[in-house]
N, C-alpha and C. Protein backbone atom coordinates (compact mmCIF):
# COMPACT_ATOMS: atom_id res chain seq x y z
N UNK A 1 128.93 269.52 78.63
CA UNK A 1 128.41 270.73 79.24
C UNK A 1 127.31 270.32 80.21
N UNK A 2 127.34 270.89 81.42
CA UNK A 2 126.34 270.52 82.42
C UNK A 2 125.08 271.37 82.27
N UNK A 3 124.01 270.93 82.96
CA UNK A 3 122.71 271.60 82.85
C UNK A 3 122.77 273.04 83.32
N UNK A 4 123.54 273.30 84.36
CA UNK A 4 123.65 274.68 84.87
C UNK A 4 124.24 275.61 83.81
N UNK A 5 125.27 275.14 83.12
CA UNK A 5 125.89 275.95 82.07
C UNK A 5 124.94 276.13 80.89
N UNK A 6 124.20 275.07 80.56
CA UNK A 6 123.23 275.15 79.47
C UNK A 6 122.16 276.19 79.81
N UNK A 7 121.67 276.14 81.06
CA UNK A 7 120.64 277.11 81.47
C UNK A 7 121.22 278.53 81.48
N UNK A 8 122.45 278.68 81.95
CA UNK A 8 123.08 280.01 81.99
C UNK A 8 123.18 280.58 80.57
N UNK A 9 123.62 279.75 79.62
CA UNK A 9 123.72 280.19 78.23
C UNK A 9 122.34 280.55 77.67
N UNK A 10 121.34 279.71 77.99
CA UNK A 10 119.98 279.97 77.52
C UNK A 10 119.47 281.30 78.06
N UNK A 11 119.65 281.52 79.37
CA UNK A 11 119.13 282.75 79.98
C UNK A 11 119.87 283.98 79.46
N UNK A 12 121.13 283.84 79.16
CA UNK A 12 121.88 284.94 78.57
C UNK A 12 121.27 285.30 77.21
N UNK A 13 120.94 284.27 76.44
CA UNK A 13 120.35 284.49 75.12
C UNK A 13 118.91 284.97 75.24
N UNK A 14 118.10 284.26 76.02
CA UNK A 14 116.67 284.58 76.13
C UNK A 14 116.47 285.93 76.81
N UNK A 15 117.30 286.25 77.78
CA UNK A 15 117.19 287.51 78.49
C UNK A 15 117.87 288.66 77.78
N UNK A 16 118.35 288.38 76.56
CA UNK A 16 118.97 289.41 75.73
C UNK A 16 120.11 290.11 76.46
N UNK A 17 120.95 289.28 77.09
CA UNK A 17 122.12 289.82 77.78
C UNK A 17 121.78 290.74 78.94
N UNK A 18 120.65 290.46 79.62
CA UNK A 18 120.24 291.27 80.76
C UNK A 18 119.25 292.38 80.41
N UNK A 19 118.97 292.56 79.13
CA UNK A 19 118.06 293.62 78.70
C UNK A 19 116.58 293.25 78.90
N UNK A 20 116.29 291.93 79.00
CA UNK A 20 114.90 291.49 79.15
C UNK A 20 114.78 290.52 80.33
N UNK A 21 114.92 291.01 81.55
CA UNK A 21 114.89 290.12 82.70
C UNK A 21 113.55 289.40 82.88
N UNK A 22 112.46 289.99 82.43
CA UNK A 22 111.14 289.35 82.55
C UNK A 22 111.10 288.04 81.77
N UNK A 23 111.84 287.98 80.68
CA UNK A 23 111.82 286.79 79.83
C UNK A 23 112.38 285.55 80.53
N UNK A 24 113.18 285.75 81.58
CA UNK A 24 113.79 284.60 82.25
C UNK A 24 113.35 284.45 83.70
N UNK A 25 112.27 285.11 84.07
CA UNK A 25 111.76 284.95 85.43
C UNK A 25 111.18 283.54 85.57
N UNK A 26 111.42 282.96 86.78
CA UNK A 26 110.91 281.61 87.05
C UNK A 26 110.03 281.63 88.29
N UNK A 27 109.12 280.65 88.35
CA UNK A 27 108.25 280.53 89.52
C UNK A 27 108.98 279.73 90.61
N UNK A 28 108.28 279.43 91.68
CA UNK A 28 108.90 278.73 92.82
C UNK A 28 109.35 277.31 92.46
N UNK A 29 108.77 276.73 91.43
CA UNK A 29 109.17 275.39 90.99
C UNK A 29 110.39 275.42 90.06
N UNK A 30 110.77 276.61 89.66
CA UNK A 30 111.92 276.75 88.76
C UNK A 30 111.53 276.79 87.30
N UNK A 31 110.20 276.79 87.02
CA UNK A 31 109.71 276.85 85.64
C UNK A 31 109.63 278.31 85.21
N UNK A 32 109.82 278.54 83.92
CA UNK A 32 109.73 279.90 83.40
C UNK A 32 108.28 280.36 83.42
N UNK A 33 108.07 281.60 83.79
CA UNK A 33 106.72 282.16 83.90
C UNK A 33 106.12 282.38 82.52
N UNK A 34 106.88 282.94 81.61
CA UNK A 34 106.39 283.18 80.25
C UNK A 34 106.41 281.88 79.44
N UNK A 35 105.31 281.58 78.79
CA UNK A 35 105.23 280.34 78.01
C UNK A 35 106.23 280.33 76.86
N UNK A 36 106.49 281.50 76.26
CA UNK A 36 107.47 281.55 75.19
C UNK A 36 108.85 281.13 75.71
N UNK A 37 109.16 281.55 76.92
CA UNK A 37 110.45 281.19 77.51
C UNK A 37 110.48 279.71 77.85
N UNK A 38 109.36 279.19 78.39
CA UNK A 38 109.29 277.77 78.73
C UNK A 38 109.45 276.92 77.47
N UNK A 39 108.77 277.32 76.41
CA UNK A 39 108.86 276.59 75.14
C UNK A 39 110.28 276.65 74.59
N UNK A 40 110.85 277.83 74.59
CA UNK A 40 112.22 277.98 74.08
C UNK A 40 113.21 277.17 74.92
N UNK A 41 113.00 277.10 76.24
CA UNK A 41 113.89 276.34 77.11
C UNK A 41 113.83 274.86 76.76
N UNK A 42 112.64 274.32 76.49
CA UNK A 42 112.52 272.90 76.12
C UNK A 42 113.24 272.61 74.80
N UNK A 43 113.10 273.50 73.86
CA UNK A 43 113.78 273.32 72.58
C UNK A 43 115.29 273.43 72.77
N UNK A 44 115.72 274.39 73.57
CA UNK A 44 117.15 274.60 73.84
C UNK A 44 117.75 273.34 74.47
N UNK A 45 117.06 272.79 75.48
CA UNK A 45 117.55 271.57 76.13
C UNK A 45 117.62 270.40 75.15
N UNK A 46 116.58 270.27 74.33
CA UNK A 46 116.55 269.18 73.36
C UNK A 46 117.72 269.29 72.39
N UNK A 47 117.99 270.49 71.93
CA UNK A 47 119.10 270.69 71.00
C UNK A 47 120.42 270.30 71.66
N UNK A 48 120.61 270.69 72.91
CA UNK A 48 121.86 270.34 73.59
C UNK A 48 121.94 268.86 73.91
N UNK A 49 120.82 268.23 74.19
CA UNK A 49 120.80 266.79 74.44
C UNK A 49 121.23 266.04 73.19
N UNK A 50 120.71 266.49 72.05
CA UNK A 50 120.99 265.80 70.79
C UNK A 50 122.38 266.11 70.25
N UNK A 51 122.76 267.37 70.23
CA UNK A 51 124.00 267.77 69.57
C UNK A 51 125.23 267.80 70.45
N UNK A 52 125.06 267.71 71.76
CA UNK A 52 126.21 267.83 72.65
C UNK A 52 126.83 266.47 72.98
N UNK A 53 126.34 265.41 72.39
CA UNK A 53 126.90 264.09 72.65
C UNK A 53 128.32 264.04 72.10
N UNK A 54 129.27 263.57 72.91
CA UNK A 54 130.64 263.50 72.40
C UNK A 54 130.75 262.48 71.28
N UNK A 55 131.48 262.83 70.29
CA UNK A 55 131.66 261.93 69.16
C UNK A 55 132.60 260.80 69.53
N UNK A 56 132.23 259.61 69.13
CA UNK A 56 133.08 258.45 69.37
C UNK A 56 134.22 258.49 68.35
N UNK A 57 135.40 258.04 68.76
CA UNK A 57 136.49 258.04 67.80
C UNK A 57 136.19 257.09 66.65
N UNK A 58 136.52 257.51 65.46
CA UNK A 58 136.28 256.70 64.27
C UNK A 58 137.50 255.83 64.03
N UNK A 59 137.27 254.53 63.95
CA UNK A 59 138.35 253.59 63.68
C UNK A 59 138.24 253.20 62.21
N UNK A 60 139.26 253.56 61.44
CA UNK A 60 139.24 253.29 60.01
C UNK A 60 139.55 251.82 59.74
N UNK A 61 138.92 251.27 58.70
CA UNK A 61 139.26 249.90 58.31
C UNK A 61 140.62 249.90 57.60
N UNK A 62 141.12 248.74 57.32
CA UNK A 62 142.37 248.65 56.55
C UNK A 62 142.09 249.15 55.14
N UNK A 63 142.95 250.01 54.60
CA UNK A 63 142.71 250.52 53.25
C UNK A 63 142.70 249.41 52.21
N UNK A 64 141.95 249.64 51.15
CA UNK A 64 141.90 248.70 50.03
C UNK A 64 143.18 248.81 49.22
N UNK A 65 143.67 250.05 49.13
CA UNK A 65 144.91 250.31 48.41
C UNK A 65 145.54 251.58 48.99
N UNK A 66 146.67 251.99 48.41
CA UNK A 66 147.37 253.17 48.90
C UNK A 66 147.71 254.07 47.73
N UNK A 67 147.76 255.38 48.02
CA UNK A 67 148.18 256.36 47.04
C UNK A 67 149.65 256.64 47.29
N UNK A 68 150.45 256.51 46.24
CA UNK A 68 151.89 256.79 46.30
C UNK A 68 152.20 257.95 45.36
N UNK A 69 153.24 258.72 45.71
CA UNK A 69 153.67 259.84 44.88
C UNK A 69 155.18 259.75 44.67
N UNK A 70 155.58 259.99 43.43
CA UNK A 70 157.00 259.96 43.08
C UNK A 70 157.66 261.23 43.59
N UNK A 71 158.80 261.11 44.25
CA UNK A 71 159.43 262.27 44.88
C UNK A 71 159.97 263.29 43.89
N UNK A 72 160.31 262.89 42.68
CA UNK A 72 160.85 263.83 41.69
C UNK A 72 159.78 264.37 40.76
N UNK A 73 158.99 263.49 40.21
CA UNK A 73 158.02 263.91 39.18
C UNK A 73 156.69 264.36 39.76
N UNK A 74 156.37 263.92 40.97
CA UNK A 74 155.08 264.26 41.57
C UNK A 74 153.94 263.39 41.06
N UNK A 75 154.25 262.50 40.12
CA UNK A 75 153.20 261.62 39.60
C UNK A 75 152.71 260.69 40.72
N UNK A 76 151.42 260.39 40.64
CA UNK A 76 150.84 259.54 41.66
C UNK A 76 150.33 258.24 41.05
N UNK A 77 150.19 257.25 41.92
CA UNK A 77 149.65 255.96 41.49
C UNK A 77 149.03 255.25 42.67
N UNK A 78 148.08 254.39 42.38
CA UNK A 78 147.44 253.58 43.40
C UNK A 78 148.06 252.20 43.40
N UNK A 79 148.32 251.71 44.60
CA UNK A 79 148.94 250.39 44.73
C UNK A 79 148.08 249.56 45.67
N UNK A 80 147.75 248.37 45.23
CA UNK A 80 146.92 247.45 46.00
C UNK A 80 147.58 247.16 47.35
N UNK A 81 146.77 247.03 48.39
CA UNK A 81 147.29 246.79 49.74
C UNK A 81 148.15 245.53 49.79
N UNK A 82 147.78 244.53 49.03
CA UNK A 82 148.56 243.28 49.02
C UNK A 82 149.98 243.52 48.50
N UNK A 83 150.11 244.36 47.47
CA UNK A 83 151.43 244.68 46.93
C UNK A 83 152.29 245.41 47.97
N UNK A 84 151.65 246.29 48.75
CA UNK A 84 152.37 247.02 49.79
C UNK A 84 152.87 246.03 50.84
N UNK A 85 152.03 245.07 51.21
CA UNK A 85 152.44 244.05 52.19
C UNK A 85 153.60 243.22 51.67
N UNK A 86 153.66 243.01 50.36
CA UNK A 86 154.72 242.19 49.77
C UNK A 86 156.00 242.98 49.52
N UNK A 87 156.10 244.23 49.97
CA UNK A 87 157.36 244.96 49.89
C UNK A 87 157.46 246.02 48.82
N UNK A 88 156.33 246.53 48.33
CA UNK A 88 156.35 247.55 47.29
C UNK A 88 157.20 248.75 47.68
N UNK A 89 157.05 249.22 48.92
CA UNK A 89 157.78 250.42 49.36
C UNK A 89 159.29 250.20 49.36
N UNK A 90 159.71 249.06 49.82
CA UNK A 90 161.15 248.77 49.86
C UNK A 90 161.74 248.68 48.46
N UNK A 91 160.95 248.18 47.52
CA UNK A 91 161.43 248.02 46.15
C UNK A 91 161.30 249.30 45.31
N UNK A 92 160.62 250.30 45.84
CA UNK A 92 160.40 251.56 45.12
C UNK A 92 160.68 252.74 46.06
N UNK A 93 161.96 252.97 46.40
CA UNK A 93 162.28 253.97 47.41
C UNK A 93 161.95 255.42 47.02
N UNK A 94 161.76 255.70 45.74
CA UNK A 94 161.45 257.07 45.33
C UNK A 94 159.94 257.36 45.34
N UNK A 95 159.16 256.33 45.63
CA UNK A 95 157.73 256.51 45.75
C UNK A 95 157.39 256.56 47.24
N UNK A 96 156.59 257.55 47.62
CA UNK A 96 156.23 257.73 49.03
C UNK A 96 154.73 257.57 49.22
N UNK A 97 154.38 256.84 50.27
CA UNK A 97 152.97 256.61 50.57
C UNK A 97 152.34 257.91 51.03
N UNK A 98 151.24 258.29 50.38
CA UNK A 98 150.54 259.53 50.71
C UNK A 98 149.39 259.23 51.67
N UNK A 99 148.58 258.26 51.32
CA UNK A 99 147.43 257.93 52.17
C UNK A 99 146.82 256.60 51.77
N UNK A 100 145.96 256.12 52.66
CA UNK A 100 145.18 254.94 52.34
C UNK A 100 144.02 255.33 51.45
N UNK A 101 143.55 254.37 50.67
CA UNK A 101 142.42 254.60 49.78
C UNK A 101 141.37 253.55 50.12
N UNK A 102 140.12 254.01 50.20
CA UNK A 102 139.03 253.14 50.61
C UNK A 102 138.00 253.01 49.50
N UNK A 103 137.40 251.85 49.40
CA UNK A 103 136.36 251.63 48.40
C UNK A 103 135.07 252.28 48.87
N UNK A 104 134.16 252.46 47.95
CA UNK A 104 132.86 253.03 48.30
C UNK A 104 132.16 252.16 49.35
N UNK A 105 132.25 250.85 49.19
CA UNK A 105 131.62 249.95 50.14
C UNK A 105 132.22 250.12 51.54
N UNK A 106 133.54 250.26 51.63
CA UNK A 106 134.18 250.47 52.93
C UNK A 106 133.69 251.77 53.58
N UNK A 107 133.56 252.81 52.78
CA UNK A 107 133.12 254.10 53.32
C UNK A 107 131.68 254.00 53.80
N UNK A 108 130.81 253.36 53.02
CA UNK A 108 129.41 253.20 53.43
C UNK A 108 129.31 252.40 54.73
N UNK A 109 130.08 251.33 54.84
CA UNK A 109 130.06 250.52 56.06
C UNK A 109 130.57 251.33 57.25
N UNK A 110 131.59 252.13 57.03
CA UNK A 110 132.14 252.98 58.09
C UNK A 110 131.09 253.98 58.57
N UNK A 111 130.44 254.63 57.64
CA UNK A 111 129.42 255.61 58.00
C UNK A 111 128.27 254.96 58.77
N UNK A 112 127.84 253.80 58.31
CA UNK A 112 126.73 253.11 58.98
C UNK A 112 127.15 252.64 60.37
N UNK A 113 128.38 252.17 60.51
CA UNK A 113 128.84 251.62 61.78
C UNK A 113 129.17 252.70 62.82
N UNK A 114 129.99 253.66 62.45
CA UNK A 114 130.51 254.61 63.43
C UNK A 114 129.74 255.92 63.54
N UNK A 115 129.09 256.31 62.48
CA UNK A 115 128.43 257.60 62.50
C UNK A 115 126.92 257.47 62.50
N UNK A 116 126.42 256.27 62.53
CA UNK A 116 124.98 256.06 62.47
C UNK A 116 124.56 255.99 61.02
N UNK A 117 123.44 255.35 60.82
CA UNK A 117 122.93 255.19 59.46
C UNK A 117 122.64 256.55 58.84
N UNK A 118 122.80 256.61 57.55
CA UNK A 118 122.50 257.85 56.83
C UNK A 118 121.04 258.19 57.02
N UNK A 119 120.71 259.48 57.03
CA UNK A 119 119.32 259.87 57.19
C UNK A 119 118.44 259.20 56.15
N UNK A 120 117.31 258.73 56.58
CA UNK A 120 116.38 258.07 55.69
C UNK A 120 115.43 259.12 55.11
N UNK A 121 115.17 259.07 53.80
CA UNK A 121 114.29 260.07 53.19
C UNK A 121 112.93 260.17 53.89
N UNK A 122 112.39 259.03 54.34
CA UNK A 122 111.09 259.06 55.01
C UNK A 122 111.18 259.82 56.33
N UNK A 123 112.26 259.59 57.10
CA UNK A 123 112.46 260.30 58.37
C UNK A 123 112.67 261.79 58.11
N UNK A 124 113.44 262.12 57.09
CA UNK A 124 113.67 263.54 56.76
C UNK A 124 112.35 264.22 56.41
N UNK A 125 111.50 263.54 55.62
CA UNK A 125 110.21 264.12 55.24
C UNK A 125 109.32 264.30 56.48
N UNK A 126 109.35 263.31 57.37
CA UNK A 126 108.55 263.41 58.60
C UNK A 126 109.05 264.56 59.47
N UNK A 127 110.38 264.68 59.60
CA UNK A 127 110.93 265.78 60.39
C UNK A 127 110.54 267.14 59.80
N UNK A 128 110.55 267.24 58.48
CA UNK A 128 110.15 268.50 57.85
C UNK A 128 108.69 268.80 58.12
N UNK A 129 107.84 267.77 58.03
CA UNK A 129 106.42 267.96 58.31
C UNK A 129 106.21 268.35 59.77
N UNK A 130 106.92 267.69 60.68
CA UNK A 130 106.81 268.02 62.11
C UNK A 130 107.25 269.46 62.36
N UNK A 131 108.33 269.87 61.73
CA UNK A 131 108.84 271.23 61.94
C UNK A 131 107.83 272.26 61.44
N UNK A 132 107.29 272.04 60.22
CA UNK A 132 106.31 272.98 59.68
C UNK A 132 105.09 273.07 60.59
N UNK A 133 104.62 271.92 61.08
CA UNK A 133 103.47 271.89 61.98
C UNK A 133 103.81 272.65 63.27
N UNK A 134 104.98 272.37 63.82
CA UNK A 134 105.40 273.00 65.07
C UNK A 134 105.42 274.52 64.93
N UNK A 135 106.02 275.00 63.86
CA UNK A 135 106.14 276.45 63.65
C UNK A 135 104.76 277.09 63.52
N UNK A 136 103.88 276.50 62.72
CA UNK A 136 102.56 277.11 62.53
C UNK A 136 101.74 277.07 63.81
N UNK A 137 101.80 275.97 64.55
CA UNK A 137 101.02 275.86 65.79
C UNK A 137 101.62 276.69 66.92
N UNK A 138 102.92 276.76 66.99
CA UNK A 138 103.57 277.55 68.05
C UNK A 138 103.24 279.03 67.89
N UNK A 139 103.07 279.47 66.65
CA UNK A 139 102.71 280.86 66.41
C UNK A 139 101.28 281.13 66.91
N UNK A 140 100.41 280.13 66.79
CA UNK A 140 99.01 280.29 67.24
C UNK A 140 98.84 280.03 68.72
N UNK A 141 99.53 279.00 69.22
CA UNK A 141 99.32 278.59 70.61
C UNK A 141 100.62 278.08 71.23
N UNK A 142 101.49 278.99 71.63
CA UNK A 142 102.77 278.56 72.19
C UNK A 142 102.61 277.70 73.45
N UNK A 143 101.61 277.97 74.25
CA UNK A 143 101.42 277.20 75.48
C UNK A 143 101.08 275.75 75.17
N UNK A 144 100.22 275.54 74.19
CA UNK A 144 99.84 274.17 73.82
C UNK A 144 101.04 273.41 73.26
N UNK A 145 101.84 274.08 72.48
CA UNK A 145 103.01 273.41 71.90
C UNK A 145 104.06 273.13 72.97
N UNK A 146 104.24 274.04 73.91
CA UNK A 146 105.20 273.80 75.00
C UNK A 146 104.75 272.62 75.84
N UNK A 147 103.44 272.56 76.11
CA UNK A 147 102.90 271.45 76.89
C UNK A 147 103.06 270.12 76.15
N UNK A 148 102.88 270.17 74.84
CA UNK A 148 102.99 268.98 74.01
C UNK A 148 104.35 268.31 74.14
N UNK A 149 105.42 269.11 74.15
CA UNK A 149 106.77 268.53 74.15
C UNK A 149 107.46 268.61 75.50
N UNK A 150 106.75 269.00 76.52
CA UNK A 150 107.35 269.26 77.82
C UNK A 150 108.20 268.09 78.34
N UNK A 151 107.77 266.88 78.12
CA UNK A 151 108.48 265.73 78.69
C UNK A 151 109.27 264.94 77.64
N UNK A 152 109.34 265.44 76.43
CA UNK A 152 110.10 264.75 75.38
C UNK A 152 111.59 264.99 75.59
N UNK A 153 112.37 263.94 75.37
CA UNK A 153 113.82 264.10 75.49
C UNK A 153 114.59 263.51 74.31
N UNK A 154 113.95 262.65 73.53
CA UNK A 154 114.64 262.04 72.39
C UNK A 154 113.97 262.47 71.09
N UNK A 155 114.67 262.27 69.99
CA UNK A 155 114.10 262.60 68.68
C UNK A 155 112.81 261.82 68.46
N UNK A 156 112.81 260.55 68.79
CA UNK A 156 111.62 259.72 68.58
C UNK A 156 110.44 260.21 69.40
N UNK A 157 110.69 260.64 70.64
CA UNK A 157 109.60 261.17 71.47
C UNK A 157 109.03 262.45 70.89
N UNK A 158 109.90 263.34 70.39
CA UNK A 158 109.41 264.57 69.76
C UNK A 158 108.59 264.23 68.52
N UNK A 159 109.12 263.33 67.69
CA UNK A 159 108.38 262.95 66.47
C UNK A 159 107.02 262.37 66.83
N UNK A 160 106.98 261.46 67.81
CA UNK A 160 105.72 260.80 68.18
C UNK A 160 104.70 261.82 68.69
N UNK A 161 105.13 262.72 69.54
CA UNK A 161 104.20 263.71 70.11
C UNK A 161 103.63 264.63 69.03
N UNK A 162 104.50 265.12 68.17
CA UNK A 162 104.04 266.05 67.14
C UNK A 162 103.25 265.31 66.06
N UNK A 163 103.69 264.10 65.69
CA UNK A 163 102.98 263.32 64.68
C UNK A 163 101.56 263.00 65.13
N UNK A 164 101.38 262.74 66.40
CA UNK A 164 100.05 262.46 66.93
C UNK A 164 99.12 263.66 66.68
N UNK A 165 99.62 264.86 66.90
CA UNK A 165 98.82 266.07 66.64
C UNK A 165 98.57 266.26 65.15
N UNK A 166 99.58 265.99 64.34
CA UNK A 166 99.42 266.11 62.89
C UNK A 166 98.33 265.15 62.41
N UNK A 167 98.39 263.91 62.89
CA UNK A 167 97.39 262.91 62.48
C UNK A 167 96.00 263.31 62.92
N UNK A 168 95.88 263.87 64.13
CA UNK A 168 94.58 264.31 64.63
C UNK A 168 94.04 265.45 63.75
N UNK A 169 94.93 266.37 63.36
CA UNK A 169 94.51 267.48 62.50
C UNK A 169 94.05 266.95 61.14
N UNK A 170 94.80 266.01 60.57
CA UNK A 170 94.43 265.44 59.27
C UNK A 170 93.08 264.72 59.36
N UNK A 171 92.86 263.99 60.45
CA UNK A 171 91.59 263.29 60.64
C UNK A 171 90.44 264.29 60.76
N UNK A 172 90.66 265.37 61.48
CA UNK A 172 89.62 266.39 61.64
C UNK A 172 89.29 267.05 60.30
N UNK A 173 90.31 267.32 59.51
CA UNK A 173 90.09 267.92 58.19
C UNK A 173 89.32 266.96 57.29
N UNK A 174 89.73 265.69 57.31
CA UNK A 174 89.03 264.68 56.49
C UNK A 174 87.58 264.55 56.92
N UNK A 175 87.32 264.55 58.22
CA UNK A 175 85.95 264.43 58.73
C UNK A 175 85.11 265.66 58.33
N UNK A 176 85.74 266.82 58.39
CA UNK A 176 85.02 268.04 58.00
C UNK A 176 84.66 268.03 56.51
N UNK A 177 85.57 267.50 55.69
CA UNK A 177 85.29 267.41 54.25
C UNK A 177 84.16 266.42 53.97
N UNK A 178 84.12 265.32 54.74
CA UNK A 178 83.06 264.32 54.55
C UNK A 178 81.70 264.85 54.97
N UNK A 179 81.67 265.72 55.97
CA UNK A 179 80.41 266.26 56.48
C UNK A 179 79.85 267.38 55.62
N UNK A 180 80.58 267.85 54.63
CA UNK A 180 80.09 268.95 53.79
C UNK A 180 79.01 268.49 52.88
């Protein structure tokens, strides 16, 4: 999806289908006049940057074994891949291959290789903290929050920008407690 289509979709949503034209007014530079709209536009773009990436085709490894099903009884059985290579199917014509079977290790390697590493609990906790901070601060000062993330384009940049503010707030709270 191109930027023009992303902006068109955003303005359709933000402008409430034409009911709120003020919400999508822009200045001569093309920036939204309302800070809430500017902030929402940055978040909208970030979401499309992150989630609109085309998925790479997943290439499966060779199965560890295969699931076979008997054509009359419906009973199933697992057969080692080596046995299949040695002619199991030819010697058992009433058994039909249903699918490949993968070990837990093969699945974990596949997920890490093709789909990216599984979310790390520390990163998930940080993202949750960043989100809570963002929501509470955006409610108080949408302009400051929009300015904070204005130039962020990657997850790491968003985390770094928001984490810096979180750390500053924690330091200020700690200093205030020490001064009491």
